[in-house]
N, C-alpha and C. Protein backbone atom coordinates (compact mmCIF):
# COMPACT_ATOMS: atom_id res chain seq x y z
N MET A 1 7.35 25.44 16.40
CA MET A 1 7.79 24.02 16.08
C MET A 1 9.47 23.98 15.43
N ALA A 2 10.30 23.45 16.13
CA ALA A 2 11.46 23.48 15.01
C ALA A 2 11.69 22.61 14.24
N GLU A 3 12.02 23.11 13.23
CA GLU A 3 12.07 22.25 11.94
C GLU A 3 13.32 20.94 12.07
N LYS A 4 12.77 19.87 11.28
CA LYS A 4 13.68 18.73 11.27
C LYS A 4 14.89 18.79 10.56
N PRO A 5 15.93 18.52 11.11
CA PRO A 5 17.24 19.18 10.36
C PRO A 5 17.40 18.16 9.06
N ASP A 6 17.76 18.70 7.85
CA ASP A 6 18.04 17.20 7.00
C ASP A 6 19.44 16.05 6.91
N ILE A 7 19.06 15.16 6.88
CA ILE A 7 19.82 14.02 7.26
C ILE A 7 19.93 13.60 5.77
N VAL A 8 21.56 13.73 5.95
CA VAL A 8 22.00 13.71 4.33
C VAL A 8 23.71 13.07 4.40
N PRO A 9 23.77 12.02 3.47
CA PRO A 9 25.23 11.12 3.97
C PRO A 9 25.91 12.35 3.76
N THR A 10 26.88 12.04 4.81
CA THR A 10 28.63 12.52 4.96
C THR A 10 29.42 12.42 3.26
N GLY A 11 29.16 13.75 2.97
CA GLY A 11 29.72 14.35 1.54
C GLY A 11 28.65 14.68 0.46
N VAL A 12 27.50 14.65 1.34
CA VAL A 12 26.35 14.72 0.29
C VAL A 12 26.04 16.72 0.81
N SER A 13 26.06 17.14 -0.49
CA SER A 13 25.82 18.64 -0.18
C SER A 13 24.63 19.14 -0.20
N ALA A 14 24.11 19.69 0.84
CA ALA A 14 22.40 20.44 1.15
C ALA A 14 22.70 21.25 -0.12
N HIS A 15 23.57 22.13 -0.20
CA HIS A 15 22.81 23.04 -1.20
C HIS A 15 23.43 22.64 -3.08
N ALA A 16 23.34 23.00 -3.68
CA ALA A 16 23.92 23.35 -5.07
C ALA A 16 25.40 24.47 -4.74
N GLY A 17 25.99 23.39 -5.84
CA GLY A 17 27.73 24.24 -5.34
C GLY A 17 27.74 24.21 -6.77
N PRO A 18 29.56 24.40 -6.77
CA PRO A 18 30.55 23.92 -7.93
C PRO A 18 30.67 22.38 -8.03
N MET A 19 30.02 21.65 -8.61
CA MET A 19 29.45 20.40 -8.88
C MET A 19 29.49 19.40 -9.95
N SER A 20 29.93 18.94 -10.40
CA SER A 20 29.34 17.97 -11.32
C SER A 20 28.08 17.95 -11.82
N SER A 21 27.35 17.91 -12.93
CA SER A 21 26.34 17.56 -13.34
C SER A 21 25.40 16.27 -12.68
N ALA A 22 26.47 15.04 -12.47
CA ALA A 22 26.24 14.19 -12.21
C ALA A 22 25.80 14.29 -10.29
N VAL A 23 26.92 14.75 -9.67
CA VAL A 23 26.45 14.90 -8.51
C VAL A 23 25.54 15.88 -8.01
N SER A 24 25.12 16.50 -8.72
CA SER A 24 23.94 17.92 -8.47
C SER A 24 22.98 16.76 -8.73
N ARG A 25 22.57 16.10 -10.05
CA ARG A 25 21.35 15.13 -10.02
C ARG A 25 21.12 14.74 -9.38
N ALA A 26 22.03 14.00 -8.38
CA ALA A 26 22.30 12.79 -7.14
C ALA A 26 21.76 13.63 -6.02
N ASP A 27 21.73 14.65 -5.86
CA ASP A 27 21.53 15.31 -4.81
C ASP A 27 20.16 15.57 -5.06
N VAL A 28 19.49 16.52 -6.03
CA VAL A 28 18.12 16.37 -6.49
C VAL A 28 17.43 15.45 -5.71
N TRP A 29 17.87 13.87 -6.76
CA TRP A 29 17.18 12.80 -6.87
C TRP A 29 17.04 12.48 -4.89
N PHE A 30 18.47 12.46 -4.46
CA PHE A 30 17.90 12.11 -3.34
C PHE A 30 17.31 12.86 -2.81
N LYS A 31 17.16 13.87 -2.29
CA LYS A 31 16.13 14.49 -1.60
C LYS A 31 15.16 14.54 -1.94
N ARG A 32 14.37 14.12 -3.39
CA ARG A 32 13.13 14.48 -3.55
C ARG A 32 12.43 12.81 -3.58
N GLU A 33 13.41 11.95 -3.69
CA GLU A 33 13.14 10.34 -3.39
C GLU A 33 13.43 9.66 -2.36
N VAL A 34 14.67 9.87 -2.16
CA VAL A 34 15.11 8.86 -0.97
C VAL A 34 14.74 9.52 0.47
N MET A 35 15.04 10.73 0.82
CA MET A 35 14.22 11.34 1.99
C MET A 35 12.64 11.39 2.88
N PRO A 36 12.17 11.20 1.65
CA PRO A 36 10.42 11.02 1.74
C PRO A 36 10.36 9.31 2.33
N LEU A 37 11.37 8.61 2.35
CA LEU A 37 10.81 7.26 2.40
C LEU A 37 11.88 6.95 3.66
N GLU A 38 11.82 7.93 4.68
CA GLU A 38 12.97 8.17 5.97
C GLU A 38 11.68 7.38 6.91
N GLY A 39 10.74 7.16 7.28
CA GLY A 39 9.74 6.90 7.96
C GLY A 39 9.67 5.85 7.56
N PRO A 40 8.99 4.82 6.75
CA PRO A 40 9.42 3.53 6.52
C PRO A 40 10.64 3.13 6.51
N LEU A 41 11.59 3.40 6.24
CA LEU A 41 12.82 3.25 6.27
C LEU A 41 13.32 2.70 7.95
N MET A 42 13.15 3.55 8.39
CA MET A 42 13.32 3.33 10.15
C MET A 42 12.44 2.47 10.47
N ARG A 43 11.16 2.30 10.23
CA ARG A 43 10.00 1.53 11.07
C ARG A 43 10.96 0.11 10.08
N TYR A 44 11.30 -0.23 9.01
CA TYR A 44 11.82 -1.16 8.76
C TYR A 44 13.32 -1.57 9.75
N LEU A 45 13.84 -0.40 10.04
CA LEU A 45 15.09 -0.98 10.83
C LEU A 45 14.72 -1.19 11.75
N GLN A 46 14.03 -0.33 12.69
CA GLN A 46 13.20 -1.03 14.08
C GLN A 46 12.68 -2.09 13.96
N PHE A 47 12.04 -2.84 13.28
CA PHE A 47 11.27 -3.99 12.93
C PHE A 47 12.92 -5.11 13.04
N ASN A 48 13.53 -5.20 11.97
CA ASN A 48 14.84 -5.86 11.83
C ASN A 48 15.72 -5.70 12.71
N TRP A 49 16.03 -5.05 13.21
CA TRP A 49 17.33 -5.04 14.18
C TRP A 49 17.02 -4.41 15.40
N ARG A 50 17.17 -5.24 16.48
CA ARG A 50 16.74 -5.14 17.96
C ARG A 50 17.49 -3.93 18.51
N ASP A 51 19.43 -4.31 18.35
CA ASP A 51 19.68 -2.82 18.85
C ASP A 51 19.35 -1.30 18.57
N GLU A 52 18.44 -0.46 19.08
CA GLU A 52 18.79 0.55 19.06
C GLU A 52 19.48 1.37 18.99
N SER A 53 20.80 1.16 19.30
CA SER A 53 21.72 1.96 19.62
C SER A 53 22.48 2.16 17.97
N GLU A 54 21.81 1.02 17.46
CA GLU A 54 22.60 1.39 15.82
C GLU A 54 21.84 1.68 14.87
N ILE A 55 20.47 1.86 15.14
CA ILE A 55 19.48 1.98 14.14
C ILE A 55 19.66 3.02 13.27
N LEU A 56 20.29 4.31 14.05
CA LEU A 56 20.57 5.68 13.50
C LEU A 56 22.52 5.76 12.37
N ASP A 57 22.96 4.56 13.18
CA ASP A 57 24.54 4.66 12.30
C ASP A 57 24.19 3.27 11.08
N LEU A 58 23.25 2.57 11.17
CA LEU A 58 22.18 2.03 9.97
C LEU A 58 21.75 3.01 8.65
N ARG A 59 20.94 3.46 9.40
CA ARG A 59 20.05 4.54 8.32
C ARG A 59 21.42 5.08 7.67
N GLN A 60 22.52 6.08 7.88
CA GLN A 60 23.23 6.70 7.65
C GLN A 60 24.23 5.57 6.45
N GLU A 61 24.98 4.88 6.86
CA GLU A 61 25.31 3.86 6.07
C GLU A 61 24.44 3.23 5.25
N ILE A 62 23.42 3.37 5.19
CA ILE A 62 22.19 2.96 3.85
C ILE A 62 22.38 4.27 3.08
N TYR A 63 22.05 5.43 3.57
CA TYR A 63 22.07 6.54 3.05
C TYR A 63 23.19 6.81 1.85
N VAL A 64 24.40 6.43 2.60
CA VAL A 64 25.51 6.79 2.00
C VAL A 64 25.47 5.74 0.96
N ARG A 65 25.30 4.55 1.03
CA ARG A 65 25.34 3.79 0.10
C ARG A 65 24.47 3.70 -1.12
N ILE A 66 23.32 4.37 -1.09
CA ILE A 66 22.56 4.63 -1.91
C ILE A 66 22.82 5.63 -2.52
N TYR A 67 23.81 7.15 -2.21
CA TYR A 67 23.94 7.94 -2.67
C TYR A 67 25.32 7.92 -3.27
N GLU A 68 25.69 7.33 -2.90
CA GLU A 68 27.63 6.67 -3.55
C GLU A 68 26.90 5.87 -5.19
N ALA A 69 25.52 4.99 -4.84
CA ALA A 69 25.57 4.45 -6.09
C ALA A 69 24.60 5.35 -7.49
N ALA A 70 24.06 6.73 -6.27
CA ALA A 70 23.18 7.44 -7.43
C ALA A 70 24.46 8.55 -7.75
N LYS A 71 25.24 8.22 -7.81
CA LYS A 71 26.09 9.47 -7.96
C LYS A 71 26.85 8.85 -9.27
N ARG A 72 26.80 7.55 -9.51
CA ARG A 72 27.28 6.51 -10.60
C ARG A 72 25.88 6.35 -11.66
N ARG A 73 24.81 6.07 -11.16
CA ARG A 73 23.61 5.76 -11.98
C ARG A 73 22.50 6.27 -11.02
N LEU A 74 21.50 7.22 -11.27
CA LEU A 74 20.44 7.10 -10.53
C LEU A 74 19.33 6.06 -10.55
N PRO A 75 19.05 5.08 -9.84
CA PRO A 75 18.32 3.76 -9.73
C PRO A 75 16.56 4.34 -10.40
N ASP A 76 16.17 3.60 -11.04
CA ASP A 76 14.56 3.42 -11.46
C ASP A 76 13.54 3.58 -10.36
N GLN A 77 13.41 2.58 -9.44
CA GLN A 77 12.85 3.17 -8.63
C GLN A 77 13.28 2.97 -7.27
N ALA A 78 13.42 3.98 -6.48
CA ALA A 78 13.94 4.44 -5.14
C ALA A 78 13.18 3.77 -4.47
N ARG A 79 12.08 3.49 -4.28
CA ARG A 79 11.69 2.91 -3.13
C ARG A 79 12.65 1.40 -2.73
N HIS A 80 12.15 1.22 -3.88
CA HIS A 80 12.41 -0.64 -4.28
C HIS A 80 14.58 -0.73 -4.13
N PHE A 81 14.97 0.71 -4.84
CA PHE A 81 16.23 0.11 -4.19
C PHE A 81 16.73 0.31 -2.83
N VAL A 82 16.30 1.51 -2.15
CA VAL A 82 16.18 1.86 -0.92
C VAL A 82 15.88 0.62 -0.09
N PHE A 83 14.93 -0.05 0.43
CA PHE A 83 14.59 -1.31 0.93
C PHE A 83 15.59 -2.46 0.41
N ALA A 84 16.32 -2.56 -0.98
CA ALA A 84 17.08 -4.05 -0.98
C ALA A 84 18.40 -3.24 -0.57
N THR A 85 18.86 -1.74 -0.46
CA THR A 85 19.72 -1.70 0.05
C THR A 85 20.14 -1.81 1.49
N ALA A 86 18.67 -1.52 2.15
CA ALA A 86 18.93 -1.86 3.69
C ALA A 86 19.05 -3.66 4.15
N ARG A 87 17.98 -4.16 3.21
CA ARG A 87 18.18 -5.63 3.81
C ARG A 87 19.68 -6.17 3.19
N ASN A 88 20.41 -5.59 2.28
CA ASN A 88 21.68 -6.00 2.06
C ASN A 88 22.87 -5.64 3.08
N LEU A 89 22.36 -4.81 3.74
CA LEU A 89 23.51 -3.62 4.80
C LEU A 89 22.96 -4.90 5.82
N LEU A 90 21.59 -5.13 6.43
CA LEU A 90 21.45 -5.99 7.56
C LEU A 90 22.01 -7.34 7.30
N THR A 91 22.09 -7.80 5.83
CA THR A 91 22.75 -8.91 5.77
C THR A 91 23.95 -9.08 5.95
N ASP A 92 24.55 -8.10 5.61
CA ASP A 92 26.02 -7.86 5.41
C ASP A 92 26.52 -8.19 6.89
N ARG A 93 25.91 -7.25 7.32
CA ARG A 93 26.60 -6.58 9.19
C ARG A 93 26.18 -8.33 10.08
N ILE A 94 24.84 -9.23 9.55
CA ILE A 94 25.02 -10.86 10.29
C ILE A 94 26.32 -11.59 9.61
N ARG A 95 26.44 -11.65 8.45
CA ARG A 95 27.46 -12.27 8.09
C ARG A 95 28.75 -11.91 8.72
N GLN A 96 28.99 -10.52 8.91
CA GLN A 96 30.29 -10.19 9.87
C GLN A 96 30.72 -10.62 10.82
N THR A 97 29.10 -10.48 11.90
CA THR A 97 29.19 -10.98 13.15
C THR A 97 29.43 -12.37 13.05
N ARG A 98 29.29 -12.93 12.57
CA ARG A 98 28.84 -14.95 12.40
C ARG A 98 28.05 -15.15 13.45
N VAL A 99 27.86 -14.63 14.36
CA VAL A 99 26.90 -15.13 15.54
C VAL A 99 25.76 -13.63 15.64
N ILE A 100 24.72 -14.32 15.42
CA ILE A 100 23.61 -13.74 15.74
C ILE A 100 23.01 -13.83 17.55
N PRO A 101 23.29 -12.47 17.92
CA PRO A 101 22.54 -12.46 19.12
C PRO A 101 21.41 -12.94 19.96
N LEU A 102 21.14 -13.40 20.66
CA LEU A 102 19.69 -13.67 20.92
C LEU A 102 18.60 -12.84 20.66
N ASP A 103 18.90 -12.10 21.28
CA ASP A 103 17.43 -11.08 21.06
C ASP A 103 17.88 -9.99 19.96
N ALA A 104 18.63 -10.33 18.85
CA ALA A 104 18.14 -9.40 17.30
C ALA A 104 16.50 -10.58 16.82
N SER A 105 16.09 -9.51 16.28
CA SER A 105 14.94 -10.00 15.91
C SER A 105 14.60 -9.90 14.53
N VAL A 106 16.02 -10.08 13.76
CA VAL A 106 16.17 -10.02 12.38
C VAL A 106 14.98 -11.37 11.60
N ASN A 107 14.17 -10.76 10.85
CA ASN A 107 13.77 -11.76 9.91
C ASN A 107 14.83 -12.43 9.22
N LEU A 108 15.18 -13.43 9.37
CA LEU A 108 16.48 -14.34 8.55
C LEU A 108 15.57 -14.23 7.11
N ASP A 109 14.73 -14.97 7.10
CA ASP A 109 14.25 -15.39 5.93
C ASP A 109 13.58 -14.18 4.61
N ALA A 110 13.50 -13.14 5.56
CA ALA A 110 13.27 -12.10 4.82
C ALA A 110 14.50 -11.33 4.01
N LEU A 111 15.46 -11.31 4.95
CA LEU A 111 17.00 -11.16 4.11
C LEU A 111 17.76 -12.05 3.71
N GLU A 112 16.59 -13.24 2.77
CA GLU A 112 17.40 -14.16 2.52
C GLU A 112 18.93 -14.73 2.39
N ILE A 113 18.98 -14.90 3.91
CA ILE A 113 20.38 -15.41 3.92
C ILE A 113 20.20 -17.00 4.25
N ALA A 114 19.04 -17.87 3.97
CA ALA A 114 19.07 -19.08 4.03
C ALA A 114 19.24 -19.90 2.65
N GLY A 115 19.40 -18.91 1.71
CA GLY A 115 19.97 -19.26 0.04
C GLY A 115 18.94 -20.30 -0.53
N ASP A 116 17.53 -21.02 0.57
CA ASP A 116 17.14 -21.74 -0.68
C ASP A 116 16.11 -21.34 -1.41
N ALA A 117 15.88 -21.49 -2.39
CA ALA A 117 15.36 -21.00 -3.74
C ALA A 117 13.49 -21.45 -3.52
N PRO A 118 12.23 -20.45 -3.16
CA PRO A 118 11.34 -21.51 -3.41
C PRO A 118 10.93 -22.38 -4.75
N GLU A 119 10.19 -23.30 -4.03
CA GLU A 119 9.76 -24.41 -5.25
C GLU A 119 8.93 -23.76 -6.23
N PRO A 120 9.31 -24.49 -7.64
CA PRO A 120 8.24 -23.88 -8.60
C PRO A 120 7.11 -24.02 -8.34
N ASP A 121 6.30 -24.31 -7.73
CA ASP A 121 4.90 -24.69 -7.34
C ASP A 121 4.65 -23.23 -6.71
N HIS A 122 5.65 -23.14 -5.71
CA HIS A 122 5.06 -21.91 -4.56
C HIS A 122 5.29 -20.88 -5.51
N ILE A 123 6.35 -20.44 -6.36
CA ILE A 123 6.48 -19.15 -7.24
C ILE A 123 5.21 -19.29 -8.14
N VAL A 124 4.76 -20.07 -8.87
CA VAL A 124 3.26 -20.32 -9.57
C VAL A 124 2.42 -19.64 -8.84
N MET A 125 2.16 -20.26 -7.34
CA MET A 125 1.22 -20.13 -6.32
C MET A 125 1.08 -18.34 -6.29
N ALA A 126 2.10 -17.93 -5.63
CA ALA A 126 2.54 -16.22 -5.53
C ALA A 126 2.18 -15.73 -6.67
N ARG A 127 2.14 -15.76 -7.94
CA ARG A 127 2.13 -15.15 -9.21
C ARG A 127 0.82 -15.12 -9.24
N ASP A 128 -0.09 -16.13 -9.34
CA ASP A 128 -1.41 -16.11 -9.44
C ASP A 128 -2.27 -15.75 -8.56
N GLU A 129 -1.60 -15.48 -7.39
CA GLU A 129 -2.36 -14.82 -6.04
C GLU A 129 -1.79 -13.55 -6.23
N LEU A 130 -0.76 -13.09 -6.48
CA LEU A 130 -0.74 -11.64 -6.81
C LEU A 130 -1.53 -11.18 -8.14
N ARG A 131 -2.03 -11.78 -9.03
CA ARG A 131 -2.49 -11.52 -10.33
C ARG A 131 -3.81 -11.35 -9.60
N ARG A 132 -4.55 -12.05 -8.66
CA ARG A 132 -5.63 -12.13 -8.36
C ARG A 132 -6.01 -10.72 -7.31
N VAL A 133 -4.68 -10.29 -6.24
CA VAL A 133 -4.65 -9.13 -6.04
C VAL A 133 -4.76 -7.75 -6.97
N GLN A 134 -4.14 -8.35 -8.10
CA GLN A 134 -4.17 -6.50 -8.78
C GLN A 134 -5.00 -6.10 -9.31
N SER A 135 -6.22 -7.66 -9.76
CA SER A 135 -7.25 -7.85 -10.52
C SER A 135 -8.30 -7.23 -9.84
N ALA A 136 -8.36 -7.57 -8.39
CA ALA A 136 -9.35 -7.11 -7.13
C ALA A 136 -9.37 -5.35 -6.90
N LEU A 137 -7.52 -5.34 -7.06
CA LEU A 137 -7.58 -4.10 -6.49
C LEU A 137 -7.89 -3.00 -7.71
N GLU A 138 -7.68 -3.24 -8.82
CA GLU A 138 -8.65 -2.70 -10.25
C GLU A 138 -10.33 -2.21 -10.26
N GLN A 139 -10.74 -3.26 -9.75
CA GLN A 139 -12.35 -3.09 -9.35
C GLN A 139 -12.70 -1.97 -8.42
N ILE A 140 -12.25 -1.97 -7.38
CA ILE A 140 -12.38 -1.04 -6.46
C ILE A 140 -12.66 0.69 -6.88
N GLN A 141 -13.23 0.99 -5.80
CA GLN A 141 -13.03 3.02 -6.13
C GLN A 141 -11.77 3.50 -6.32
N PRO A 142 -11.57 3.85 -7.58
CA PRO A 142 -9.96 4.31 -7.08
C PRO A 142 -9.66 5.24 -6.34
N ARG A 143 -10.34 6.13 -5.24
CA ARG A 143 -9.98 6.47 -4.37
C ARG A 143 -9.17 5.77 -2.89
N TRP A 144 -9.91 4.49 -3.22
CA TRP A 144 -9.78 3.11 -2.03
C TRP A 144 -8.45 2.74 -2.29
N ARG A 145 -8.20 2.62 -3.67
CA ARG A 145 -7.14 1.78 -4.61
C ARG A 145 -5.86 2.73 -4.16
N GLU A 146 -6.17 4.00 -4.38
CA GLU A 146 -4.70 5.08 -3.62
C GLU A 146 -4.52 4.80 -3.13
N ALA A 147 -5.20 4.91 -1.25
CA ALA A 147 -5.02 4.86 0.09
C ALA A 147 -4.94 3.73 0.02
N ILE A 148 -5.22 2.16 -0.42
CA ILE A 148 -4.54 0.94 -0.01
C ILE A 148 -3.35 0.97 -0.59
N ILE A 149 -3.11 1.58 -1.46
CA ILE A 149 -1.51 1.32 -2.64
C ILE A 149 -0.33 2.07 -1.59
N LEU A 150 -1.16 3.70 -1.16
CA LEU A 150 0.05 4.32 -0.27
C LEU A 150 0.04 3.87 1.13
N GLY A 151 -0.90 3.16 1.47
CA GLY A 151 -0.55 2.64 3.39
C GLY A 151 -0.53 1.29 3.32
N ARG A 152 -0.83 0.12 2.54
CA ARG A 152 -0.47 -0.80 2.53
C ARG A 152 0.91 -1.22 1.82
N ILE A 153 1.18 -0.58 0.26
CA ILE A 153 2.30 -0.85 -0.72
C ILE A 153 3.31 -0.14 -0.25
N GLU A 154 3.13 0.98 -0.05
CA GLU A 154 4.27 1.67 -0.40
C GLU A 154 4.49 2.12 1.64
N GLY A 155 3.48 2.06 2.44
CA GLY A 155 3.96 1.61 3.85
C GLY A 155 3.63 3.58 4.42
N LEU A 156 3.25 4.48 4.09
CA LEU A 156 2.95 5.37 4.55
C LEU A 156 1.70 5.73 5.66
N SER A 157 2.34 6.68 6.70
CA SER A 157 1.39 6.72 7.67
C SER A 157 -0.28 7.05 7.10
N ARG A 158 -1.54 7.27 8.17
CA ARG A 158 -2.78 7.97 7.87
C ARG A 158 -2.14 9.19 7.39
N LYS A 159 -1.53 9.59 8.51
CA LYS A 159 -1.37 11.35 8.04
C LYS A 159 -0.49 11.54 6.84
N GLU A 160 0.41 11.03 6.61
CA GLU A 160 1.15 11.05 5.06
C GLU A 160 0.03 10.79 4.11
N ILE A 161 -1.03 9.64 4.34
CA ILE A 161 -1.56 9.33 3.16
C ILE A 161 -2.71 10.57 2.74
N ALA A 162 -2.93 10.91 4.01
CA ALA A 162 -4.31 12.70 3.70
C ALA A 162 -3.52 13.45 3.50
N GLN A 163 -1.69 13.63 3.35
CA GLN A 163 -1.52 14.84 3.01
C GLN A 163 -1.14 14.56 1.39
N ARG A 164 -0.52 13.36 0.94
CA ARG A 164 -0.48 13.02 -0.45
C ARG A 164 -1.85 13.17 -0.86
N MET A 165 -2.68 12.55 -0.56
CA MET A 165 -4.28 12.44 -1.39
C MET A 165 -4.90 13.93 -0.97
N GLY A 166 -4.45 14.70 -0.27
CA GLY A 166 -5.21 16.28 -0.02
C GLY A 166 -6.22 16.06 0.32
N ILE A 167 -6.70 15.01 1.70
CA ILE A 167 -8.26 14.87 2.09
C ILE A 167 -7.40 14.50 3.59
N SER A 168 -8.37 15.05 4.68
CA SER A 168 -8.42 14.94 6.01
C SER A 168 -7.84 13.14 6.40
N GLU A 169 -7.16 13.26 7.69
CA GLU A 169 -6.83 11.85 8.25
C GLU A 169 -8.38 11.27 8.23
N GLY A 170 -9.03 11.56 8.74
CA GLY A 170 -10.14 10.81 8.77
C GLY A 170 -10.84 10.16 8.22
N THR A 171 -11.03 11.32 6.46
CA THR A 171 -11.25 10.69 4.97
C THR A 171 -10.35 9.29 4.85
N ALA A 172 -8.83 9.30 5.16
CA ALA A 172 -7.85 8.70 4.59
C ALA A 172 -8.22 7.48 5.35
N ALA A 173 -8.84 7.35 6.58
CA ALA A 173 -8.57 6.10 7.18
C ALA A 173 -10.09 5.19 6.90
N GLN A 174 -11.14 6.61 6.33
CA GLN A 174 -12.30 5.51 5.75
C GLN A 174 -12.00 5.09 4.28
N TYR A 175 -11.34 5.39 3.29
CA TYR A 175 -10.63 4.92 2.13
C TYR A 175 -10.25 3.72 2.55
N LEU A 176 -9.35 3.68 3.48
CA LEU A 176 -8.33 2.35 3.81
C LEU A 176 -9.43 1.28 4.34
N THR A 177 -10.61 1.77 5.23
CA THR A 177 -11.34 0.60 5.88
C THR A 177 -12.08 0.12 4.72
N HIS A 178 -12.59 0.86 3.98
CA HIS A 178 -13.40 0.65 3.05
C HIS A 178 -12.92 -0.33 1.74
N GLY A 179 -11.56 0.17 1.42
CA GLY A 179 -10.92 -0.31 0.29
C GLY A 179 -10.54 -1.52 0.85
N ILE A 180 -10.12 -1.77 1.83
CA ILE A 180 -9.90 -3.25 2.25
C ILE A 180 -11.00 -4.54 2.81
N CYS A 181 -12.24 -3.59 3.29
CA CYS A 181 -13.15 -4.58 3.12
C CYS A 181 -13.87 -4.74 1.94
N ALA A 182 -13.52 -3.98 0.74
CA ALA A 182 -13.90 -4.29 -0.74
C ALA A 182 -13.06 -5.34 -1.32
N LEU A 183 -11.55 -4.93 -1.02
CA LEU A 183 -10.35 -5.59 -1.56
C LEU A 183 -10.80 -7.50 -0.93
N VAL A 184 -11.07 -7.54 0.14
CA VAL A 184 -11.08 -8.81 1.11
C VAL A 184 -12.45 -9.47 0.49
N ASP A 185 -13.91 -8.68 0.04
CA ASP A 185 -14.93 -9.27 -0.15
C ASP A 185 -14.87 -9.89 -2.02
N LEU A 186 -13.99 -9.05 -2.84
CA LEU A 186 -13.52 -9.14 -4.05
C LEU A 186 -12.64 -10.60 -3.85
N LEU A 187 -11.85 -10.62 -3.04
CA LEU A 187 -11.04 -11.68 -3.24
C LEU A 187 -11.41 -13.11 -2.67
N HIS A 188 -12.92 -13.09 -1.65
CA HIS A 188 -13.00 -14.22 -1.05
C HIS A 188 -14.04 -14.42 -2.10
N ALA A 189 -14.62 -13.98 -2.69
CA ALA A 189 -15.84 -14.12 -3.98
C ALA A 189 -14.91 -15.03 -4.95
N ALA A 190 -13.71 -14.53 -5.37
CA ALA A 190 -13.21 -15.08 -6.42
C ALA A 190 -11.92 -16.41 -6.17
N SER A 191 -12.13 -16.37 -5.01
CA SER A 191 -11.11 -17.47 -4.24
C SER A 191 -11.80 -18.74 -4.65
N PRO A 192 -11.02 -20.26 -5.16
CA PRO A 192 -10.75 -21.38 -6.06
C PRO A 192 -11.83 -21.87 -4.70
N GLU A 193 -11.54 -22.08 -3.33
CA GLU A 193 -12.35 -22.79 -2.59
C GLU A 193 -13.92 -22.11 -2.54
N ARG A 194 -13.88 -20.81 -2.26
CA ARG A 194 -15.05 -20.57 -2.44
C ARG A 194 -16.00 -21.19 -4.05
N ARG A 195 -15.43 -20.60 -5.35
CA ARG A 195 -16.12 -21.30 -6.37
C ARG A 195 -16.73 -22.66 -6.53
N LYS A 196 -15.51 -23.93 -5.64
CA LYS A 196 -16.14 -25.21 -5.64
C LYS A 196 -17.44 -25.16 -4.67
N VAL A 197 -17.79 -24.26 -4.36
CA VAL A 197 -18.62 -24.36 -3.01
C VAL A 197 -20.40 -24.60 -4.16
């Protein structure tokens, strides 16, 4: 099986050479933190940008932006930084064209183009819901919780979950299924509507 070539931004060295320590740290960080996110990033781009012929160029531009920023300062949360950069790039592309093609499947609300801030009561309700989900997650078995976080929050595939957890894909699928069922049961039991009955 042919080995997948490294995809790194133009100007990013694949090997450490006579570079400054900041650039070397950026190289190491990029390979360790950003490259493993390529699968979820590609799925995000394919979902939000219909023109398949531009997806690879978009990914490359995102990588360049991320790497250039990392040379100045390494981000604290790589995943958040990668997807914020992707969202900003797609937003920039839409603004530059000023005409959104009819076949574009870009979720404008997700890209925050509308600019309307959520109402305060919606913010409070969303925070309350997040607290309920966090509380429920803490109550389920640790391995189920880990599978849910890897699959539903980090966006990993079952195969990637299995590799990360050191288990088979079938076991990863079972952990996800059992964990989600337990989570739904806990959330349903704790819902305000349910408590009123």
